[in-house]
């Protein structure tokens, strides 16, 4: 009975408007949970736990702390790369890059009700996105970013717009985006923006999230 119920479970509906990707270093002594809690109060709509240097035990602890502060706001948590951690803590889903577990494998493990996000850097990856497997795509880097080691060259707003047309799913722009750049990315077709330093390094993450949310609304009004 449980298997049958899972098979008919609907896919998640997502609000990707303000998508926070955590950064332990930029969050500093406040910690990612405190930053995420403040950002949720400011309007963040989804959070991705990303910490490539953490151990499995550390990721599980961090995910639990994030779930505790995000749940009261109804903000979903996805885990970067680590499907095992997502399953261990009952996270809302995962985000996968081109070097991570194949999205089809992750979907089989997670079932239909969890979130699977994928990264798109170029036209070939955009055209390979499978709407039967993934829920959204992160397209970029739109601008030059220093928060990810080995990031690819920036594609710019025009490059984002071109790839967005090829992606048959909701999509966020990612890479070097802050409040000042958000409206342009939204106007180019993004459903939301994924940000790291613009919130994690901000003295007031709540105010930073609020400013980005306002810029999303501005971009949609263009």
C-alpha atoms as a PDB file:
ATOM      1  CA  UNK A   1       0.000   0.000   0.000  1.00  0.00           C
ATOM      2  CA  UNK A   2       2.780   2.412   0.896  1.00  0.00           C
ATOM      3  CA  UNK A   3       4.536   1.843  -2.417  1.00  0.00           C
ATOM      4  CA  UNK A   4       1.331   2.474  -4.348  1.00  0.00           C
ATOM      5  CA  UNK A   5       0.677   5.665  -2.443  1.00  0.00           C
ATOM      6  CA  UNK A   6       4.201   6.869  -3.154  1.00  0.00           C
ATOM      7  CA  UNK A   7       3.829   6.104  -6.858  1.00  0.00           C
ATOM      8  CA  UNK A   8       0.846   8.445  -7.123  1.00  0.00           C
ATOM      9  CA  UNK A   9       2.335  11.199  -4.976  1.00  0.00           C
ATOM     10  CA  UNK A  10       2.263  14.520  -6.887  1.00  0.00           C
ATOM     11  CA  UNK A  11       5.396  16.468  -7.803  1.00  0.00           C
ATOM     12  CA  UNK A  12       6.213  19.476  -5.678  1.00  0.00           C
ATOM     13  CA  UNK A  13       5.091  22.991  -6.602  1.00  0.00           C
ATOM     14  CA  UNK A  14       7.959  25.384  -5.936  1.00  0.00           C
ATOM     15  CA  UNK A  15       8.439  29.062  -5.257  1.00  0.00           C
ATOM     16  CA  UNK A  16      11.954  29.719  -6.531  1.00  0.00           C
ATOM     17  CA  UNK A  17      11.777  33.509  -6.190  1.00  0.00           C
ATOM     18  CA  UNK A  18      14.582  33.980  -3.643  1.00  0.00           C
ATOM     19  CA  UNK A  19      16.784  30.904  -3.487  1.00  0.00           C
ATOM     20  CA  UNK A  20      19.491  30.941  -0.803  1.00  0.00           C
ATOM     21  CA  UNK A  21      22.563  28.739  -1.182  1.00  0.00           C
ATOM     22  CA  UNK A  22      24.382  28.480   2.131  1.00  0.00           C
ATOM     23  CA  UNK A  23      28.080  29.171   2.611  1.00  0.00           C
ATOM     24  CA  UNK A  24      29.682  28.273   5.921  1.00  0.00           C
ATOM     25  CA  UNK A  25      32.679  30.552   5.455  1.00  0.00           C
ATOM     26  CA  UNK A  26      30.668  33.624   4.487  1.00  0.00           C
ATOM     27  CA  UNK A  27      28.148  33.041   7.268  1.00  0.00           C
ATOM     28  CA  UNK A  28      30.987  33.269   9.782  1.00  0.00           C
ATOM     29  CA  UNK A  29      30.390  32.825  13.505  1.00  0.00           C
ATOM     30  CA  UNK A  30      26.658  33.359  13.035  1.00  0.00           C
ATOM     31  CA  UNK A  31      26.414  29.958  11.367  1.00  0.00           C
ATOM     32  CA  UNK A  32      24.294  28.967   8.393  1.00  0.00           C
ATOM     33  CA  UNK A  33      21.162  28.253  10.457  1.00  0.00           C
ATOM     34  CA  UNK A  34      21.100  31.735  11.957  1.00  0.00           C
ATOM     35  CA  UNK A  35      21.656  33.336   8.564  1.00  0.00           C
ATOM     36  CA  UNK A  36      18.968  31.168   6.975  1.00  0.00           C
ATOM     37  CA  UNK A  37      16.483  31.962   9.740  1.00  0.00           C
ATOM     38  CA  UNK A  38      16.978  35.680   9.223  1.00  0.00           C
ATOM     39  CA  UNK A  39      16.767  35.286   5.454  1.00  0.00           C
ATOM     40  CA  UNK A  40      13.510  33.337   5.766  1.00  0.00           C
ATOM     41  CA  UNK A  41      12.038  36.216   7.740  1.00  0.00           C
ATOM     42  CA  UNK A  42      13.106  38.489   4.883  1.00  0.00           C
ATOM     43  CA  UNK A  43      11.437  36.477   2.147  1.00  0.00           C
ATOM     44  CA  UNK A  44      13.730  33.621   1.094  1.00  0.00           C
ATOM     45  CA  UNK A  45      11.539  30.940  -0.489  1.00  0.00           C
ATOM     46  CA  UNK A  46      13.890  27.940  -0.718  1.00  0.00           C
ATOM     47  CA  UNK A  47      17.284  27.063   0.801  1.00  0.00           C
ATOM     48  CA  UNK A  48      20.046  24.805  -0.470  1.00  0.00           C
ATOM     49  CA  UNK A  49      22.590  23.433   1.986  1.00  0.00           C
ATOM     50  CA  UNK A  50      25.952  23.483   0.242  1.00  0.00           C
ATOM     51  CA  UNK A  51      29.172  22.699   2.066  1.00  0.00           C
ATOM     52  CA  UNK A  52      31.571  20.608  -0.031  1.00  0.00           C
ATOM     53  CA  UNK A  53      34.162  20.537   2.763  1.00  0.00           C
ATOM     54  CA  UNK A  54      31.855  19.136   5.455  1.00  0.00           C
ATOM     55  CA  UNK A  55      31.813  15.527   6.578  1.00  0.00           C
ATOM     56  CA  UNK A  56      28.657  13.466   6.291  1.00  0.00           C
ATOM     57  CA  UNK A  57      28.081  13.824  10.033  1.00  0.00           C
ATOM     58  CA  UNK A  58      28.512  17.600   9.823  1.00  0.00           C
ATOM     59  CA  UNK A  59      26.105  17.847   6.889  1.00  0.00           C
ATOM     60  CA  UNK A  60      23.449  15.869   8.731  1.00  0.00           C
ATOM     61  CA  UNK A  61      23.793  18.141  11.758  1.00  0.00           C
ATOM     62  CA  UNK A  62      23.670  21.281   9.605  1.00  0.00           C
ATOM     63  CA  UNK A  63      20.625  20.011   7.725  1.00  0.00           C
ATOM     64  CA  UNK A  64      18.800  19.313  10.965  1.00  0.00           C
ATOM     65  CA  UNK A  65      19.543  22.797  12.273  1.00  0.00           C
ATOM     66  CA  UNK A  66      18.310  24.337   9.019  1.00  0.00           C
ATOM     67  CA  UNK A  67      15.113  22.285   9.050  1.00  0.00           C
ATOM     68  CA  UNK A  68      14.354  23.505  12.554  1.00  0.00           C
ATOM     69  CA  UNK A  69      14.549  27.191  11.591  1.00  0.00           C
ATOM     70  CA  UNK A  70      12.973  26.898   8.123  1.00  0.00           C
ATOM     71  CA  UNK A  71       9.968  24.728   8.975  1.00  0.00           C
ATOM     72  CA  UNK A  72       8.059  27.516  10.792  1.00  0.00           C
ATOM     73  CA  UNK A  73       8.258  29.593   7.593  1.00  0.00           C
ATOM     74  CA  UNK A  74       7.312  26.727   5.271  1.00  0.00           C
ATOM     75  CA  UNK A  75      10.626  27.101   3.417  1.00  0.00           C
ATOM     76  CA  UNK A  76      11.858  23.868   1.791  1.00  0.00           C
ATOM     77  CA  UNK A  77      15.424  22.621   2.218  1.00  0.00           C
ATOM     78  CA  UNK A  78      17.377  20.890  -0.540  1.00  0.00           C
ATOM     79  CA  UNK A  79      20.832  19.364  -0.174  1.00  0.00           C
ATOM     80  CA  UNK A  80      23.571  19.984  -2.710  1.00  0.00           C
ATOM     81  CA  UNK A  81      24.885  16.779  -4.270  1.00  0.00           C
ATOM     82  CA  UNK A  82      24.318  14.433  -1.314  1.00  0.00           C
ATOM     83  CA  UNK A  83      21.265  12.283  -1.898  1.00  0.00           C
ATOM     84  CA  UNK A  84      22.241  10.133   1.071  1.00  0.00           C
ATOM     85  CA  UNK A  85      22.123  13.123   3.414  1.00  0.00           C
ATOM     86  CA  UNK A  86      18.778  14.229   1.995  1.00  0.00           C
ATOM     87  CA  UNK A  87      17.351  10.779   2.658  1.00  0.00           C
ATOM     88  CA  UNK A  88      18.902  10.571   6.111  1.00  0.00           C
ATOM     89  CA  UNK A  89      17.305  13.792   7.353  1.00  0.00           C
ATOM     90  CA  UNK A  90      14.113  13.721   5.288  1.00  0.00           C
ATOM     91  CA  UNK A  91      15.042  16.886   3.397  1.00  0.00           C
ATOM     92  CA  UNK A  92      12.741  18.221   0.691  1.00  0.00           C
ATOM     93  CA  UNK A  93      15.129  17.264  -2.082  1.00  0.00           C
ATOM     94  CA  UNK A  94      18.504  17.701  -3.732  1.00  0.00           C
ATOM     95  CA  UNK A  95      20.314  19.880  -6.231  1.00  0.00           C
ATOM     96  CA  UNK A  96      22.681  18.118  -8.610  1.00  0.00           C
ATOM     97  CA  UNK A  97      25.559  19.416 -10.708  1.00  0.00           C
ATOM     98  CA  UNK A  98      27.136  17.866 -13.769  1.00  0.00           C
ATOM     99  CA  UNK A  99      29.588  15.847 -11.663  1.00  0.00           C
ATOM    100  CA  UNK A 100      27.046  14.606  -9.136  1.00  0.00           C
ATOM    101  CA  UNK A 101      24.749  11.586  -9.139  1.00  0.00           C
ATOM    102  CA  UNK A 102      22.660  11.389 -12.337  1.00  0.00           C
ATOM    103  CA  UNK A 103      19.286  13.033 -11.868  1.00  0.00           C
ATOM    104  CA  UNK A 104      17.431   9.887 -12.958  1.00  0.00           C
ATOM    105  CA  UNK A 105      19.164   7.853 -10.255  1.00  0.00           C
ATOM    106  CA  UNK A 106      18.386  10.495  -7.645  1.00  0.00           C
ATOM    107  CA  UNK A 107      14.739  10.538  -8.687  1.00  0.00           C
ATOM    108  CA  UNK A 108      14.523   6.764  -8.344  1.00  0.00           C
ATOM    109  CA  UNK A 109      15.959   6.968  -4.832  1.00  0.00           C
ATOM    110  CA  UNK A 110      13.951   9.961  -3.675  1.00  0.00           C
ATOM    111  CA  UNK A 111      10.591   9.117  -5.233  1.00  0.00           C
ATOM    112  CA  UNK A 112       8.216  11.478  -7.020  1.00  0.00           C
ATOM    113  CA  UNK A 113       7.388  13.767  -4.099  1.00  0.00           C
ATOM    114  CA  UNK A 114      10.859  15.200  -3.463  1.00  0.00           C
ATOM    115  CA  UNK A 115      12.575  18.057  -5.282  1.00  0.00           C
ATOM    116  CA  UNK A 116      15.297  17.383  -7.850  1.00  0.00           C
ATOM    117  CA  UNK A 117      17.118  20.413  -9.213  1.00  0.00           C
ATOM    118  CA  UNK A 118      19.778  20.312 -11.919  1.00  0.00           C
ATOM    119  CA  UNK A 119      22.484  22.688 -13.110  1.00  0.00           C
ATOM    120  CA  UNK A 120      22.649  23.999 -16.680  1.00  0.00           C
ATOM    121  CA  UNK A 121      25.801  25.656 -18.066  1.00  0.00           C
ATOM    122  CA  UNK A 122      25.329  25.387 -21.813  1.00  0.00           C
ATOM    123  CA  UNK A 123      22.946  24.491 -24.621  1.00  0.00           C
ATOM    124  CA  UNK A 124      23.754  20.775 -24.537  1.00  0.00           C
ATOM    125  CA  UNK A 125      22.900  20.550 -20.835  1.00  0.00           C
ATOM    126  CA  UNK A 126      19.767  22.652 -21.359  1.00  0.00           C
ATOM    127  CA  UNK A 127      18.505  20.355 -24.089  1.00  0.00           C
ATOM    128  CA  UNK A 128      19.273  17.279 -21.971  1.00  0.00           C
ATOM    129  CA  UNK A 129      16.983  18.370 -19.119  1.00  0.00           C
ATOM    130  CA  UNK A 130      14.237  15.782 -18.623  1.00  0.00           C
ATOM    131  CA  UNK A 131      10.940  17.203 -17.370  1.00  0.00           C
ATOM    132  CA  UNK A 132       9.928  13.744 -16.178  1.00  0.00           C
ATOM    133  CA  UNK A 133      12.862  13.769 -13.736  1.00  0.00           C
ATOM    134  CA  UNK A 134      13.847  17.299 -12.718  1.00  0.00           C
ATOM    135  CA  UNK A 135      11.688  19.985 -11.083  1.00  0.00           C
ATOM    136  CA  UNK A 136      13.813  23.047 -11.850  1.00  0.00           C
ATOM    137  CA  UNK A 137      17.131  24.134 -13.313  1.00  0.00           C
ATOM    138  CA  UNK A 138      19.803  26.501 -12.067  1.00  0.00           C
ATOM    139  CA  UNK A 139      21.310  28.332 -15.070  1.00  0.00           C
ATOM    140  CA  UNK A 140      24.662  30.068 -14.923  1.00  0.00           C
ATOM    141  CA  UNK A 141      26.953  31.409 -13.804  1.00  0.00           C
ATOM    142  CA  UNK A 142      25.247  34.573 -14.986  1.00  0.00           C
ATOM    143  CA  UNK A 143      27.990  36.793 -13.569  1.00  0.00           C
ATOM    144  CA  UNK A 144      31.505  36.069 -12.358  1.00  0.00           C
ATOM    145  CA  UNK A 145      31.451  34.390  -8.964  1.00  0.00           C
ATOM    146  CA  UNK A 146      34.113  33.643  -6.380  1.00  0.00           C
ATOM    147  CA  UNK A 147      31.962  31.449  -4.142  1.00  0.00           C
ATOM    148  CA  UNK A 148      32.482  28.278  -6.189  1.00  0.00           C
ATOM    149  CA  UNK A 149      35.925  26.900  -6.943  1.00  0.00           C
ATOM    150  CA  UNK A 150      36.364  26.107 -10.627  1.00  0.00           C
ATOM    151  CA  UNK A 151      33.230  27.964 -11.710  1.00  0.00           C
ATOM    152  CA  UNK A 152      32.746  28.245 -15.465  1.00  0.00           C
ATOM    153  CA  UNK A 153      32.968  31.594 -17.282  1.00  0.00           C
ATOM    154  CA  UNK A 154      30.036  33.952 -16.812  1.00  0.00           C
ATOM    155  CA  UNK A 155      27.362  33.816 -19.523  1.00  0.00           C
ATOM    156  CA  UNK A 156      25.837  37.237 -18.837  1.00  0.00           C
ATOM    157  CA  UNK A 157      22.173  38.186 -18.912  1.00  0.00           C
ATOM    158  CA  UNK A 158      21.932  37.599 -22.662  1.00  0.00           C
ATOM    159  CA  UNK A 159      23.483  34.158 -22.289  1.00  0.00           C
ATOM    160  CA  UNK A 160      21.040  33.365 -19.515  1.00  0.00           C
ATOM    161  CA  UNK A 161      18.122  34.473 -21.682  1.00  0.00           C
ATOM    162  CA  UNK A 162      19.257  32.220 -24.536  1.00  0.00           C
ATOM    163  CA  UNK A 163      19.629  29.140 -22.313  1.00  0.00           C
ATOM    164  CA  UNK A 164      16.379  29.868 -20.498  1.00  0.00           C
ATOM    165  CA  UNK A 165      14.511  29.500 -23.783  1.00  0.00           C
ATOM    166  CA  UNK A 166      15.877  25.959 -24.110  1.00  0.00           C
ATOM    167  CA  UNK A 167      14.970  24.789 -20.598  1.00  0.00           C
ATOM    168  CA  UNK A 168      11.434  23.366 -20.305  1.00  0.00           C
ATOM    169  CA  UNK A 169      11.295  23.791 -16.521  1.00  0.00           C
ATOM    170  CA  UNK A 170      11.169  26.602 -13.953  1.00  0.00           C
ATOM    171  CA  UNK A 171      14.658  28.099 -13.724  1.00  0.00           C
ATOM    172  CA  UNK A 172      16.759  30.289 -11.486  1.00  0.00           C
ATOM    173  CA  UNK A 173      19.752  32.362 -12.447  1.00  0.00           C
ATOM    174  CA  UNK A 174      22.828  31.724 -10.345  1.00  0.00           C
ATOM    175  CA  UNK A 175      26.288  33.256 -10.082  1.00  0.00           C
ATOM    176  CA  UNK A 176      27.271  36.698  -8.829  1.00  0.00           C
ATOM    177  CA  UNK A 177      23.674  37.865  -8.405  1.00  0.00           C
ATOM    178  CA  UNK A 178      22.772  40.523  -5.852  1.00  0.00           C
ATOM    179  CA  UNK A 179      19.831  42.868  -5.353  1.00  0.00           C
ATOM    180  CA  UNK A 180      21.150  45.304  -7.963  1.00  0.00           C
ATOM    181  CA  UNK A 181      21.310  42.579 -10.642  1.00  0.00           C
ATOM    182  CA  UNK A 182      18.208  40.602  -9.729  1.00  0.00           C
ATOM    183  CA  UNK A 183      15.590  42.512 -11.727  1.00  0.00           C
ATOM    184  CA  UNK A 184      17.581  42.145 -14.968  1.00  0.00           C
ATOM    185  CA  UNK A 185      17.838  38.367 -14.505  1.00  0.00           C
ATOM    186  CA  UNK A 186      14.137  38.042 -13.707  1.00  0.00           C
ATOM    187  CA  UNK A 187      13.237  40.160 -16.739  1.00  0.00           C
ATOM    188  CA  UNK A 188      15.364  37.786 -18.845  1.00  0.00           C
ATOM    189  CA  UNK A 189      13.033  34.923 -17.940  1.00  0.00           C
ATOM    190  CA  UNK A 190      14.158  33.642 -14.547  1.00  0.00           C
ATOM    191  CA  UNK A 191      11.567  32.365 -12.092  1.00  0.00           C
ATOM    192  CA  UNK A 192      13.921  33.336  -9.301  1.00  0.00           C
ATOM    193  CA  UNK A 193      17.504  34.057  -8.389  1.00  0.00           C
ATOM    194  CA  UNK A 194      19.919  31.884  -6.440  1.00  0.00           C
ATOM    195  CA  UNK A 195      22.203  33.906  -4.206  1.00  0.00           C
ATOM    196  CA  UNK A 196      25.095  33.113  -1.907  1.00  0.00           C
ATOM    197  CA  UNK A 197      27.266  36.026  -0.799  1.00  0.00           C
ATOM    198  CA  UNK A 198      24.503  38.620  -1.280  1.00  0.00           C
ATOM    199  CA  UNK A 199      22.795  37.116   1.780  1.00  0.00           C
ATOM    200  CA  UNK A 200      25.407  34.996   3.597  1.00  0.00           C
ATOM    201  CA  UNK A 201      27.965  37.821   3.721  1.00  0.00           C
ATOM    202  CA  UNK A 202      25.418  40.557   4.423  1.00  0.00           C
ATOM    203  CA  UNK A 203      25.532  42.266   7.840  1.00  0.00           C
ATOM    204  CA  UNK A 204      21.735  41.950   7.934  1.00  0.00           C
ATOM    205  CA  UNK A 205      20.620  38.816   6.044  1.00  0.00           C
ATOM    206  CA  UNK A 206      16.955  39.580   6.650  1.00  0.00           C
ATOM    207  CA  UNK A 207      17.207  43.006   5.030  1.00  0.00           C
ATOM    208  CA  UNK A 208      19.301  41.578   2.194  1.00  0.00           C
ATOM    209  CA  UNK A 209      16.685  38.921   1.466  1.00  0.00           C
ATOM    210  CA  UNK A 210      13.936  41.526   1.568  1.00  0.00           C
ATOM    211  CA  UNK A 211      15.801  43.710  -0.943  1.00  0.00           C
ATOM    212  CA  UNK A 212      16.237  40.774  -3.323  1.00  0.00           C
ATOM    213  CA  UNK A 213      12.560  39.834  -2.995  1.00  0.00           C
ATOM    214  CA  UNK A 214      11.631  43.414  -3.900  1.00  0.00           C
ATOM    215  CA  UNK A 215      13.942  43.279  -6.916  1.00  0.00           C
ATOM    216  CA  UNK A 216      12.286  40.026  -8.043  1.00  0.00           C
ATOM    217  CA  UNK A 217       8.926  41.791  -7.978  1.00  0.00           C
ATOM    218  CA  UNK A 218      10.434  44.687  -9.938  1.00  0.00           C
ATOM    219  CA  UNK A 219      11.793  42.350 -12.598  1.00  0.00           C
ATOM    220  CA  UNK A 220       8.435  40.626 -13.004  1.00  0.00           C
ATOM    221  CA  UNK A 221       6.728  43.979 -13.498  1.00  0.00           C
ATOM    222  CA  UNK A 222       8.916  44.923 -16.465  1.00  0.00           C
END
